[in-house]
Amino acid sequence: MKITHYPETDSIYIDLANRPSAETREVNTDLNIDLDAEGKLVGIDIHGNASQYVDLSSFHIETLET
């Protein structure tokens, strides 16, 4: 997974899989999801106003053992 922040546009792209996007669906005016050819989620695009959805100053990733 890769998260890219674009401060000049206040946008974030979360790349969830190393597969190309075949389709983009608009969830709302600030959020799109990218799907591969099989309909599986490969990315999340918060375009514009990302700081309203994500607090980048306290970003933390935790991996739990199974």
C-alpha atoms as a PDB file:
ATOM      1  CA  MET A   1       0.000   0.000   0.000  1.00  0.00           C
ATOM      2  CA  LYS A   2       1.201   3.491  -0.818  1.00  0.00           C
ATOM      3  CA  ILE A   3      -0.305   6.774   0.344  1.00  0.00           C
ATOM      4  CA  THR A   4       0.555   9.938  -1.570  1.00  0.00           C
ATOM      5  CA  HIS A   5      -0.350  13.399  -0.300  1.00  0.00           C
ATOM      6  CA  TYR A   6      -0.497  16.339  -2.709  1.00  0.00           C
ATOM      7  CA  PRO A   7      -0.471  19.453  -0.480  1.00  0.00           C
ATOM      8  CA  GLU A   8      -0.838  21.887  -3.388  1.00  0.00           C
ATOM      9  CA  THR A   9      -4.313  20.453  -4.131  1.00  0.00           C
ATOM     10  CA  ASP A  10      -5.082  19.078  -0.635  1.00  0.00           C
ATOM     11  CA  SER A  11      -5.520  15.626  -2.190  1.00  0.00           C
ATOM     12  CA  ILE A  12      -4.599  12.089  -1.116  1.00  0.00           C
ATOM     13  CA  TYR A  13      -4.331   8.922  -3.186  1.00  0.00           C
ATOM     14  CA  ILE A  14      -4.262   5.558  -1.410  1.00  0.00           C
ATOM     15  CA  ASP A  15      -2.889   2.867  -3.707  1.00  0.00           C
ATOM     16  CA  LEU A  16      -4.148  -0.430  -2.274  1.00  0.00           C
ATOM     17  CA  ALA A  17      -2.909  -2.887  -4.892  1.00  0.00           C
ATOM     18  CA  ASN A  18      -0.229  -3.084  -7.520  1.00  0.00           C
ATOM     19  CA  ARG A  19      -2.786  -3.527 -10.308  1.00  0.00           C
ATOM     20  CA  PRO A  20      -3.976  -1.049 -12.928  1.00  0.00           C
ATOM     21  CA  SER A  21      -7.292   0.700 -12.560  1.00  0.00           C
ATOM     22  CA  ALA A  22      -9.923  -0.208 -15.137  1.00  0.00           C
ATOM     23  CA  GLU A  23     -12.785   1.879 -13.751  1.00  0.00           C
ATOM     24  CA  THR A  24     -13.265   4.893 -11.499  1.00  0.00           C
ATOM     25  CA  ARG A  25     -16.471   5.380  -9.529  1.00  0.00           C
ATOM     26  CA  GLU A  26     -17.471   8.637  -7.887  1.00  0.00           C
ATOM     27  CA  VAL A  27     -18.602   8.112  -4.292  1.00  0.00           C
ATOM     28  CA  ASN A  28     -19.191  11.821  -3.653  1.00  0.00           C
ATOM     29  CA  THR A  29     -17.792  15.135  -4.887  1.00  0.00           C
ATOM     30  CA  ASP A  30     -14.521  14.624  -2.967  1.00  0.00           C
ATOM     31  CA  LEU A  31     -14.071  10.847  -3.195  1.00  0.00           C
ATOM     32  CA  ASN A  32     -13.480   8.380  -6.027  1.00  0.00           C
ATOM     33  CA  ILE A  33     -12.629   4.692  -5.885  1.00  0.00           C
ATOM     34  CA  ASP A  34     -10.611   2.863  -8.520  1.00  0.00           C
ATOM     35  CA  LEU A  35     -11.429  -0.730  -9.457  1.00  0.00           C
ATOM     36  CA  ASP A  36      -9.464  -3.258 -11.487  1.00  0.00           C
ATOM     37  CA  ALA A  37     -10.872  -5.256 -14.415  1.00  0.00           C
ATOM     38  CA  GLU A  38     -12.392  -7.774 -11.959  1.00  0.00           C
ATOM     39  CA  GLY A  39     -14.142  -5.061  -9.934  1.00  0.00           C
ATOM     40  CA  LYS A  40     -11.727  -5.276  -6.995  1.00  0.00           C
ATOM     41  CA  LEU A  41     -10.740  -2.098  -5.170  1.00  0.00           C
ATOM     42  CA  VAL A  42      -7.250  -0.881  -6.102  1.00  0.00           C
ATOM     43  CA  GLY A  43      -7.256   2.755  -4.984  1.00  0.00           C
ATOM     44  CA  ILE A  44      -9.006   5.544  -3.128  1.00  0.00           C
ATOM     45  CA  ASP A  45      -8.745   9.136  -4.326  1.00  0.00           C
ATOM     46  CA  ILE A  46      -9.666  11.972  -1.968  1.00  0.00           C
ATOM     47  CA  HIS A  47      -9.360  14.882  -4.370  1.00  0.00           C
ATOM     48  CA  GLY A  48      -9.529  18.274  -2.800  1.00  0.00           C
ATOM     49  CA  ASN A  49     -10.434  18.933   0.819  1.00  0.00           C
ATOM     50  CA  ALA A  50      -8.557  15.815   1.997  1.00  0.00           C
ATOM     51  CA  SER A  51      -7.648  17.574   5.237  1.00  0.00           C
ATOM     52  CA  GLN A  52     -11.362  17.567   6.113  1.00  0.00           C
ATOM     53  CA  TYR A  53     -11.349  13.744   6.015  1.00  0.00           C
ATOM     54  CA  VAL A  54      -7.841  12.783   7.144  1.00  0.00           C
ATOM     55  CA  ASP A  55      -5.741  14.248   9.951  1.00  0.00           C
ATOM     56  CA  LEU A  56      -2.274  13.951   8.413  1.00  0.00           C
ATOM     57  CA  SER A  57      -0.592  15.345  11.526  1.00  0.00           C
ATOM     58  CA  SER A  58      -1.475  12.208  13.491  1.00  0.00           C
ATOM     59  CA  PHE A  59      -1.260   9.541  10.800  1.00  0.00           C
ATOM     60  CA  HIS A  60      -0.420   6.129  12.285  1.00  0.00           C
ATOM     61  CA  ILE A  61      -0.371   2.624  10.820  1.00  0.00           C
ATOM     62  CA  GLU A  62      -0.697  -0.393  13.091  1.00  0.00           C
ATOM     63  CA  THR A  63      -0.342  -3.974  11.892  1.00  0.00           C
ATOM     64  CA  LEU A  64      -1.934  -6.590  14.131  1.00  0.00           C
ATOM     65  CA  GLU A  65      -0.698 -10.150  14.252  1.00  0.00           C
ATOM     66  CA  THR A  66      -3.203 -12.866  13.406  1.00  0.00           C
END
